[in-house]
Amino acid sequence: MSASELDVEGDPGGWEAVAELPPSAKLVAKVLEYNDRLTQSQLAEETMLPPRTVRYALTRLEEVDAVDSRFSFTDARKRVYTLAIEE
């Protein structure tokens, strides 16, 4: 694990890890910072990115433990994403 993957407390993830990701992943992380939880389609709408790009961004964010995902209670076919980075 490189130093860029460690945040101030020494835990993996955090904004430092997000800084190394593509711009689309940074945008998705920022949108999640201002919204408690969103589905992939809601993220695509909020960011104005294509669904495929949002999927890629979420995959990259999950790799650095920057987002958490759970199944939606209202529709089990969908996943709901939340930001896992502490301020």
PDB file of N, CA and C in Angstrom:
ATOM      1  N   MET A   1       0.846  -1.177   0.000  1.00  0.00           N
ATOM      2  CA  MET A   1       0.000   0.000   0.000  1.00  0.00           C
ATOM      3  C   MET A   1       0.890   1.237   0.000  1.00  0.00           C
ATOM      4  N   SER A   2       0.610   2.155  -0.893  1.00  0.00           N
ATOM      5  CA  SER A   2       1.439   3.348  -0.991  1.00  0.00           C
ATOM      6  C   SER A   2       0.984   4.403   0.009  1.00  0.00           C
ATOM      7  N   ALA A   3       1.820   5.382   0.228  1.00  0.00           N
ATOM      8  CA  ALA A   3       1.494   6.462   1.158  1.00  0.00           C
ATOM      9  C   ALA A   3       0.288   7.258   0.690  1.00  0.00           C
ATOM     10  N   SER A   4       0.053   7.320  -0.619  1.00  0.00           N
ATOM     11  CA  SER A   4      -1.094   8.072  -1.126  1.00  0.00           C
ATOM     12  C   SER A   4      -2.410   7.381  -0.800  1.00  0.00           C
ATOM     13  N   GLU A   5      -2.364   6.093  -0.420  1.00  0.00           N
ATOM     14  CA  GLU A   5      -3.574   5.364  -0.065  1.00  0.00           C
ATOM     15  C   GLU A   5      -3.889   5.448   1.422  1.00  0.00           C
ATOM     16  N   LEU A   6      -3.109   6.188   2.159  1.00  0.00           N
ATOM     17  CA  LEU A   6      -3.337   6.338   3.579  1.00  0.00           C
ATOM     18  C   LEU A   6      -3.829   7.743   3.883  1.00  0.00           C
ATOM     19  N   ASP A   7      -4.870   7.830   4.739  1.00  0.00           N
ATOM     20  CA  ASP A   7      -5.323   9.154   5.126  1.00  0.00           C
ATOM     21  C   ASP A   7      -4.599   9.590   6.394  1.00  0.00           C
ATOM     22  N   VAL A   8      -5.019  10.698   6.978  1.00  0.00           N
ATOM     23  CA  VAL A   8      -4.310  11.289   8.106  1.00  0.00           C
ATOM     24  C   VAL A   8      -4.181  10.318   9.279  1.00  0.00           C
ATOM     25  N   GLU A   9      -5.229   9.525   9.550  1.00  0.00           N
ATOM     26  CA  GLU A   9      -5.191   8.587  10.661  1.00  0.00           C
ATOM     27  C   GLU A   9      -4.440   7.308  10.326  1.00  0.00           C
ATOM     28  N   GLY A  10      -4.023   7.117   9.074  1.00  0.00           N
ATOM     29  CA  GLY A  10      -3.313   5.926   8.685  1.00  0.00           C
ATOM     30  C   GLY A  10      -4.208   4.815   8.176  1.00  0.00           C
ATOM     31  N   ASP A  11      -5.509   5.067   8.044  1.00  0.00           N
ATOM     32  CA  ASP A  11      -6.434   4.066   7.527  1.00  0.00           C
ATOM     33  C   ASP A  11      -6.467   4.131   6.014  1.00  0.00           C
ATOM     34  N   PRO A  12      -6.655   2.975   5.359  1.00  0.00           N
ATOM     35  CA  PRO A  12      -6.775   3.005   3.903  1.00  0.00           C
ATOM     36  C   PRO A  12      -8.025   3.780   3.491  1.00  0.00           C
ATOM     37  N   GLY A  13      -7.996   4.333   2.301  1.00  0.00           N
ATOM     38  CA  GLY A  13      -9.144   5.107   1.818  1.00  0.00           C
ATOM     39  C   GLY A  13      -8.979   6.574   2.134  1.00  0.00           C
ATOM     40  N   GLY A  14     -10.077   7.267   2.233  1.00  0.00           N
ATOM     41  CA  GLY A  14     -10.048   8.683   2.538  1.00  0.00           C
ATOM     42  C   GLY A  14      -9.907   9.519   1.282  1.00  0.00           C
ATOM     43  N   TRP A  15      -9.962  10.836   1.477  1.00  0.00           N
ATOM     44  CA  TRP A  15      -9.910  11.765   0.341  1.00  0.00           C
ATOM     45  C   TRP A  15      -8.577  11.698  -0.394  1.00  0.00           C
ATOM     46  N   GLU A  16      -7.494  11.315   0.311  1.00  0.00           N
ATOM     47  CA  GLU A  16      -6.206  11.205  -0.366  1.00  0.00           C
ATOM     48  C   GLU A  16      -6.242  10.099  -1.422  1.00  0.00           C
ATOM     49  N   ALA A  17      -6.893   8.990  -1.102  1.00  0.00           N
ATOM     50  CA  ALA A  17      -7.025   7.895  -2.064  1.00  0.00           C
ATOM     51  C   ALA A  17      -7.922   8.308  -3.226  1.00  0.00           C
ATOM     52  N   VAL A  18      -8.977   9.064  -2.930  1.00  0.00           N
ATOM     53  CA  VAL A  18      -9.892   9.537  -3.979  1.00  0.00           C
ATOM     54  C   VAL A  18      -9.160  10.486  -4.918  1.00  0.00           C
ATOM     55  N   ALA A  19      -8.227  11.265  -4.407  1.00  0.00           N
ATOM     56  CA  ALA A  19      -7.484  12.228  -5.228  1.00  0.00           C
ATOM     57  C   ALA A  19      -6.719  11.548  -6.349  1.00  0.00           C
ATOM     58  N   GLU A  20      -6.394  10.272  -6.182  1.00  0.00           N
ATOM     59  CA  GLU A  20      -5.645   9.524  -7.194  1.00  0.00           C
ATOM     60  C   GLU A  20      -6.552   8.931  -8.276  1.00  0.00           C
ATOM     61  N   LEU A  21      -7.868   9.033  -8.091  1.00  0.00           N
ATOM     62  CA  LEU A  21      -8.830   8.408  -9.004  1.00  0.00           C
ATOM     63  C   LEU A  21      -9.191   9.339 -10.161  1.00  0.00           C
ATOM     64  N   PRO A  22      -9.861   8.809 -11.182  1.00  0.00           N
ATOM     65  CA  PRO A  22     -10.281   9.630 -12.326  1.00  0.00           C
ATOM     66  C   PRO A  22     -11.278  10.718 -11.899  1.00  0.00           C
ATOM     67  N   PRO A  23     -11.411  11.766 -12.709  1.00  0.00           N
ATOM     68  CA  PRO A  23     -12.333  12.868 -12.386  1.00  0.00           C
ATOM     69  C   PRO A  23     -13.771  12.408 -12.150  1.00  0.00           C
ATOM     70  N   SER A  24     -14.225  11.408 -12.880  1.00  0.00           N
ATOM     71  CA  SER A  24     -15.604  10.941 -12.690  1.00  0.00           C
ATOM     72  C   SER A  24     -15.803  10.378 -11.280  1.00  0.00           C
ATOM     73  N   ALA A  25     -14.826   9.671 -10.765  1.00  0.00           N
ATOM     74  CA  ALA A  25     -14.924   9.118  -9.416  1.00  0.00           C
ATOM     75  C   ALA A  25     -14.910  10.236  -8.375  1.00  0.00           C
ATOM     76  N   LYS A  26     -14.108  11.257  -8.605  1.00  0.00           N
ATOM     77  CA  LYS A  26     -14.082  12.401  -7.686  1.00  0.00           C
ATOM     78  C   LYS A  26     -15.434  13.102  -7.663  1.00  0.00           C
ATOM     79  N   LEU A  27     -16.039  13.261  -8.835  1.00  0.00           N
ATOM     80  CA  LEU A  27     -17.346  13.911  -8.922  1.00  0.00           C
ATOM     81  C   LEU A  27     -18.400  13.090  -8.191  1.00  0.00           C
ATOM     82  N   VAL A  28     -18.411  11.790  -8.397  1.00  0.00           N
ATOM     83  CA  VAL A  28     -19.378  10.921  -7.718  1.00  0.00           C
ATOM     84  C   VAL A  28     -19.181  11.013  -6.203  1.00  0.00           C
ATOM     85  N   ALA A  29     -17.946  11.012  -5.739  1.00  0.00           N
ATOM     86  CA  ALA A  29     -17.668  11.118  -4.305  1.00  0.00           C
ATOM     87  C   ALA A  29     -18.182  12.440  -3.749  1.00  0.00           C
ATOM     88  N   LYS A  30     -17.977  13.527  -4.478  1.00  0.00           N
ATOM     89  CA  LYS A  30     -18.445  14.834  -4.012  1.00  0.00           C
ATOM     90  C   LYS A  30     -19.970  14.898  -3.966  1.00  0.00           C
ATOM     91  N   VAL A  31     -20.629  14.316  -4.954  1.00  0.00           N
ATOM     92  CA  VAL A  31     -22.096  14.295  -4.951  1.00  0.00           C
ATOM     93  C   VAL A  31     -22.594  13.480  -3.760  1.00  0.00           C
ATOM     94  N   LEU A  32     -21.941  12.361  -3.471  1.00  0.00           N
ATOM     95  CA  LEU A  32     -22.327  11.562  -2.308  1.00  0.00           C
ATOM     96  C   LEU A  32     -22.035  12.290  -1.001  1.00  0.00           C
ATOM     97  N   GLU A  33     -21.045  13.161  -1.013  1.00  0.00           N
ATOM     98  CA  GLU A  33     -20.732  13.938   0.194  1.00  0.00           C
ATOM     99  C   GLU A  33     -21.907  14.838   0.568  1.00  0.00           C
ATOM    100  N   TYR A  34     -22.613  15.355  -0.425  1.00  0.00           N
ATOM    101  CA  TYR A  34     -23.719  16.281  -0.191  1.00  0.00           C
ATOM    102  C   TYR A  34     -25.080  15.604  -0.162  1.00  0.00           C
ATOM    103  N   ASN A  35     -25.138  14.318  -0.460  1.00  0.00           N
ATOM    104  CA  ASN A  35     -26.389  13.549  -0.428  1.00  0.00           C
ATOM    105  C   ASN A  35     -26.152  12.308   0.418  1.00  0.00           C
ATOM    106  N   ASP A  36     -27.066  12.019   1.317  1.00  0.00           N
ATOM    107  CA  ASP A  36     -26.874  10.883   2.225  1.00  0.00           C
ATOM    108  C   ASP A  36     -26.697   9.562   1.491  1.00  0.00           C
ATOM    109  N   ARG A  37     -27.654   9.205   0.652  1.00  0.00           N
ATOM    110  CA  ARG A  37     -27.563   7.960  -0.097  1.00  0.00           C
ATOM    111  C   ARG A  37     -28.279   8.101  -1.427  1.00  0.00           C
ATOM    112  N   LEU A  38     -27.657   7.542  -2.450  1.00  0.00           N
ATOM    113  CA  LEU A  38     -28.205   7.621  -3.796  1.00  0.00           C
ATOM    114  C   LEU A  38     -28.012   6.293  -4.514  1.00  0.00           C
ATOM    115  N   THR A  39     -28.944   6.008  -5.435  1.00  0.00           N
ATOM    116  CA  THR A  39     -28.788   4.841  -6.298  1.00  0.00           C
ATOM    117  C   THR A  39     -27.894   5.222  -7.469  1.00  0.00           C
ATOM    118  N   GLN A  40     -27.511   4.228  -8.238  1.00  0.00           N
ATOM    119  CA  GLN A  40     -26.673   4.503  -9.409  1.00  0.00           C
ATOM    120  C   GLN A  40     -27.383   5.417 -10.397  1.00  0.00           C
ATOM    121  N   SER A  41     -28.670   5.198 -10.621  1.00  0.00           N
ATOM    122  CA  SER A  41     -29.408   6.054 -11.561  1.00  0.00           C
ATOM    123  C   SER A  41     -29.540   7.472 -11.024  1.00  0.00           C
ATOM    124  N   GLN A  42     -29.718   7.632  -9.716  1.00  0.00           N
ATOM    125  CA  GLN A  42     -29.769   8.973  -9.130  1.00  0.00           C
ATOM    126  C   GLN A  42     -28.416   9.669  -9.257  1.00  0.00           C
ATOM    127  N   LEU A  43     -27.335   8.909  -9.086  1.00  0.00           N
ATOM    128  CA  LEU A  43     -26.001   9.482  -9.259  1.00  0.00           C
ATOM    129  C   LEU A  43     -25.784   9.923 -10.695  1.00  0.00           C
ATOM    130  N   ALA A  44     -26.240   9.131 -11.647  1.00  0.00           N
ATOM    131  CA  ALA A  44     -26.101   9.503 -13.059  1.00  0.00           C
ATOM    132  C   ALA A  44     -26.865  10.798 -13.342  1.00  0.00           C
ATOM    133  N   GLU A  45     -28.042  10.919 -12.758  1.00  0.00           N
ATOM    134  CA  GLU A  45     -28.840  12.131 -12.950  1.00  0.00           C
ATOM    135  C   GLU A  45     -28.179  13.348 -12.302  1.00  0.00           C
ATOM    136  N   GLU A  46     -27.699  13.181 -11.080  1.00  0.00           N
ATOM    137  CA  GLU A  46     -27.081  14.293 -10.347  1.00  0.00           C
ATOM    138  C   GLU A  46     -25.767  14.757 -10.984  1.00  0.00           C
ATOM    139  N   THR A  47     -24.972  13.804 -11.453  1.00  0.00           N
ATOM    140  CA  THR A  47     -23.656  14.151 -12.005  1.00  0.00           C
ATOM    141  C   THR A  47     -23.709  14.469 -13.496  1.00  0.00           C
ATOM    142  N   MET A  48     -24.817  14.087 -14.146  1.00  0.00           N
ATOM    143  CA  MET A  48     -24.973  14.229 -15.595  1.00  0.00           C
ATOM    144  C   MET A  48     -23.933  13.400 -16.352  1.00  0.00           C
ATOM    145  N   LEU A  49     -23.493  12.301 -15.733  1.00  0.00           N
ATOM    146  CA  LEU A  49     -22.570  11.369 -16.371  1.00  0.00           C
ATOM    147  C   LEU A  49     -23.367  10.188 -16.921  1.00  0.00           C
ATOM    148  N   PRO A  50     -22.860   9.536 -17.956  1.00  0.00           N
ATOM    149  CA  PRO A  50     -23.526   8.331 -18.463  1.00  0.00           C
ATOM    150  C   PRO A  50     -23.523   7.228 -17.396  1.00  0.00           C
ATOM    151  N   PRO A  51     -24.550   6.383 -17.381  1.00  0.00           N
ATOM    152  CA  PRO A  51     -24.617   5.297 -16.386  1.00  0.00           C
ATOM    153  C   PRO A  51     -23.363   4.420 -16.367  1.00  0.00           C
ATOM    154  N   ARG A  52     -22.800   4.151 -17.527  1.00  0.00           N
ATOM    155  CA  ARG A  52     -21.591   3.321 -17.592  1.00  0.00           C
ATOM    156  C   ARG A  52     -20.422   4.000 -16.858  1.00  0.00           C
ATOM    157  N   THR A  53     -20.290   5.299 -17.006  1.00  0.00           N
ATOM    158  CA  THR A  53     -19.223   6.044 -16.329  1.00  0.00           C
ATOM    159  C   THR A  53     -19.444   6.042 -14.825  1.00  0.00           C
ATOM    160  N   VAL A  54     -20.686   6.173 -14.400  1.00  0.00           N
ATOM    161  CA  VAL A  54     -20.998   6.134 -12.965  1.00  0.00           C
ATOM    162  C   VAL A  54     -20.658   4.757 -12.395  1.00  0.00           C
ATOM    163  N   ARG A  55     -20.976   3.695 -13.127  1.00  0.00           N
ATOM    164  CA  ARG A  55     -20.635   2.338 -12.684  1.00  0.00           C
ATOM    165  C   ARG A  55     -19.127   2.195 -12.494  1.00  0.00           C
ATOM    166  N   TYR A  56     -18.375   2.693 -13.459  1.00  0.00           N
ATOM    167  CA  TYR A  56     -16.915   2.630 -13.373  1.00  0.00           C
ATOM    168  C   TYR A  56     -16.406   3.436 -12.167  1.00  0.00           C
ATOM    169  N   ALA A  57     -16.954   4.629 -11.984  1.00  0.00           N
ATOM    170  CA  ALA A  57     -16.541   5.475 -10.864  1.00  0.00           C
ATOM    171  C   ALA A  57     -16.838   4.796  -9.533  1.00  0.00           C
ATOM    172  N   LEU A  58     -17.998   4.186  -9.413  1.00  0.00           N
ATOM    173  CA  LEU A  58     -18.355   3.498  -8.172  1.00  0.00           C
ATOM    174  C   LEU A  58     -17.437   2.303  -7.917  1.00  0.00           C
ATOM    175  N   THR A  59     -17.089   1.595  -8.967  1.00  0.00           N
ATOM    176  CA  THR A  59     -16.158   0.468  -8.825  1.00  0.00           C
ATOM    177  C   THR A  59     -14.819   0.949  -8.298  1.00  0.00           C
ATOM    178  N   ARG A  60     -14.317   2.019  -8.874  1.00  0.00           N
ATOM    179  CA  ARG A  60     -13.025   2.574  -8.419  1.00  0.00           C
ATOM    180  C   ARG A  60     -13.122   3.074  -6.981  1.00  0.00           C
ATOM    181  N   LEU A  61     -14.231   3.719  -6.618  1.00  0.00           N
ATOM    182  CA  LEU A  61     -14.407   4.214  -5.251  1.00  0.00           C
ATOM    183  C   LEU A  61     -14.512   3.057  -4.256  1.00  0.00           C
ATOM    184  N   GLU A  62     -15.157   1.961  -4.659  1.00  0.00           N
ATOM    185  CA  GLU A  62     -15.242   0.793  -3.783  1.00  0.00           C
ATOM    186  C   GLU A  62     -13.867   0.159  -3.571  1.00  0.00           C
ATOM    187  N   GLU A  63     -13.009   0.213  -4.590  1.00  0.00           N
ATOM    188  CA  GLU A  63     -11.657  -0.352  -4.480  1.00  0.00           C
ATOM    189  C   GLU A  63     -10.835   0.333  -3.398  1.00  0.00           C
ATOM    190  N   VAL A  64     -11.080   1.621  -3.162  1.00  0.00           N
ATOM    191  CA  VAL A  64     -10.334   2.358  -2.128  1.00  0.00           C
ATOM    192  C   VAL A  64     -11.176   2.559  -0.862  1.00  0.00           C
ATOM    193  N   ASP A  65     -12.269   1.798  -0.753  1.00  0.00           N
ATOM    194  CA  ASP A  65     -13.152   1.844   0.426  1.00  0.00           C
ATOM    195  C   ASP A  65     -13.702   3.233   0.702  1.00  0.00           C
ATOM    196  N   ALA A  66     -13.994   3.989  -0.362  1.00  0.00           N
ATOM    197  CA  ALA A  66     -14.528   5.342  -0.201  1.00  0.00           C
ATOM    198  C   ALA A  66     -16.049   5.357  -0.195  1.00  0.00           C
ATOM    199  N   VAL A  67     -16.682   4.291  -0.675  1.00  0.00           N
ATOM    200  CA  VAL A  67     -18.147   4.205  -0.659  1.00  0.00           C
ATOM    201  C   VAL A  67     -18.589   2.868  -0.082  1.00  0.00           C
ATOM    202  N   ASP A  68     -19.774   2.887   0.501  1.00  0.00           N
ATOM    203  CA  ASP A  68     -20.435   1.671   0.955  1.00  0.00           C
ATOM    204  C   ASP A  68     -21.669   1.487   0.099  1.00  0.00           C
ATOM    205  N   SER A  69     -22.055   0.239  -0.130  1.00  0.00           N
ATOM    206  CA  SER A  69     -23.281  -0.019  -0.881  1.00  0.00           C
ATOM    207  C   SER A  69     -24.110  -1.062  -0.154  1.00  0.00           C
ATOM    208  N   ARG A  70     -25.413  -0.861  -0.248  1.00  0.00           N
ATOM    209  CA  ARG A  70     -26.371  -1.796   0.342  1.00  0.00           C
ATOM    210  C   ARG A  70     -27.524  -1.955  -0.629  1.00  0.00           C
ATOM    211  N   PHE A  71     -28.256  -3.052  -0.474  1.00  0.00           N
ATOM    212  CA  PHE A  71     -29.450  -3.227  -1.290  1.00  0.00           C
ATOM    213  C   PHE A  71     -30.523  -2.260  -0.804  1.00  0.00           C
ATOM    214  N   SER A  72     -31.277  -1.726  -1.744  1.00  0.00           N
ATOM    215  CA  SER A  72     -32.367  -0.812  -1.425  1.00  0.00           C
ATOM    216  C   SER A  72     -33.491  -1.572  -0.735  1.00  0.00           C
ATOM    217  N   PHE A  73     -34.066  -0.984   0.314  1.00  0.00           N
ATOM    218  CA  PHE A  73     -35.193  -1.607   0.990  1.00  0.00           C
ATOM    219  C   PHE A  73     -36.444  -1.551   0.127  1.00  0.00           C
ATOM    220  N   THR A  74     -36.565  -0.514  -0.686  1.00  0.00           N
ATOM    221  CA  THR A  74     -37.767  -0.352  -1.508  1.00  0.00           C
ATOM    222  C   THR A  74     -37.710  -1.151  -2.801  1.00  0.00           C
ATOM    223  N   ASP A  75     -36.503  -1.435  -3.298  1.00  0.00           N
ATOM    224  CA  ASP A  75     -36.347  -2.206  -4.536  1.00  0.00           C
ATOM    225  C   ASP A  75     -35.043  -2.992  -4.447  1.00  0.00           C
ATOM    226  N   ALA A  76     -35.146  -4.268  -4.136  1.00  0.00           N
ATOM    227  CA  ALA A  76     -33.961  -5.099  -3.906  1.00  0.00           C
ATOM    228  C   ALA A  76     -33.096  -5.264  -5.148  1.00  0.00           C
ATOM    229  N   ARG A  77     -33.593  -4.863  -6.317  1.00  0.00           N
ATOM    230  CA  ARG A  77     -32.781  -4.941  -7.533  1.00  0.00           C
ATOM    231  C   ARG A  77     -31.763  -3.813  -7.587  1.00  0.00           C
ATOM    232  N   LYS A  78     -31.954  -2.784  -6.786  1.00  0.00           N
ATOM    233  CA  LYS A  78     -31.071  -1.608  -6.809  1.00  0.00           C
ATOM    234  C   LYS A  78     -30.169  -1.599  -5.592  1.00  0.00           C
ATOM    235  N   ARG A  79     -29.030  -0.954  -5.754  1.00  0.00           N
ATOM    236  CA  ARG A  79     -28.106  -0.737  -4.649  1.00  0.00           C
ATOM    237  C   ARG A  79     -28.099   0.745  -4.314  1.00  0.00           C
ATOM    238  N   VAL A  80     -27.932   1.043  -3.036  1.00  0.00           N
ATOM    239  CA  VAL A  80     -27.863   2.418  -2.553  1.00  0.00           C
ATOM    240  C   VAL A  80     -26.436   2.655  -2.080  1.00  0.00           C
ATOM    241  N   TYR A  81     -25.863   3.770  -2.513  1.00  0.00           N
ATOM    242  CA  TYR A  81     -24.471   4.089  -2.200  1.00  0.00           C
ATOM    243  C   TYR A  81     -24.381   5.242  -1.219  1.00  0.00           C
ATOM    244  N   THR A  82     -23.445   5.136  -0.286  1.00  0.00           N
ATOM    245  CA  THR A  82     -23.173   6.198   0.678  1.00  0.00           C
ATOM    246  C   THR A  82     -21.659   6.420   0.719  1.00  0.00           C
ATOM    247  N   LEU A  83     -21.265   7.622   1.078  1.00  0.00           N
ATOM    248  CA  LEU A  83     -19.851   7.937   1.196  1.00  0.00           C
ATOM    249  C   LEU A  83     -19.328   7.359   2.503  1.00  0.00           C
ATOM    250  N   ALA A  84     -18.214   6.670   2.454  1.00  0.00           N
ATOM    251  CA  ALA A  84     -17.637   6.017   3.633  1.00  0.00           C
ATOM    252  C   ALA A  84     -16.466   6.791   4.219  1.00  0.00           C
ATOM    253  N   ILE A  85     -16.213   7.982   3.702  1.00  0.00           N
ATOM    254  CA  ILE A  85     -15.073   8.780   4.146  1.00  0.00           C
ATOM    255  C   ILE A  85     -15.527   9.684   5.288  1.00  0.00           C
ATOM    256  N   GLU A  86     -14.793   9.621   6.393  1.00  0.00           N
ATOM    257  CA  GLU A  86     -15.066  10.500   7.528  1.00  0.00           C
ATOM    258  C   GLU A  86     -14.408  11.846   7.286  1.00  0.00           C
ATOM    259  N   GLU A  87     -15.077  12.870   7.706  1.00  0.00           N
ATOM    260  CA  GLU A  87     -14.539  14.226   7.546  1.00  0.00           C
ATOM    261  C   GLU A  87     -13.384  14.482   8.480  1.00  0.00           C
TER     262      GLU A  87
END
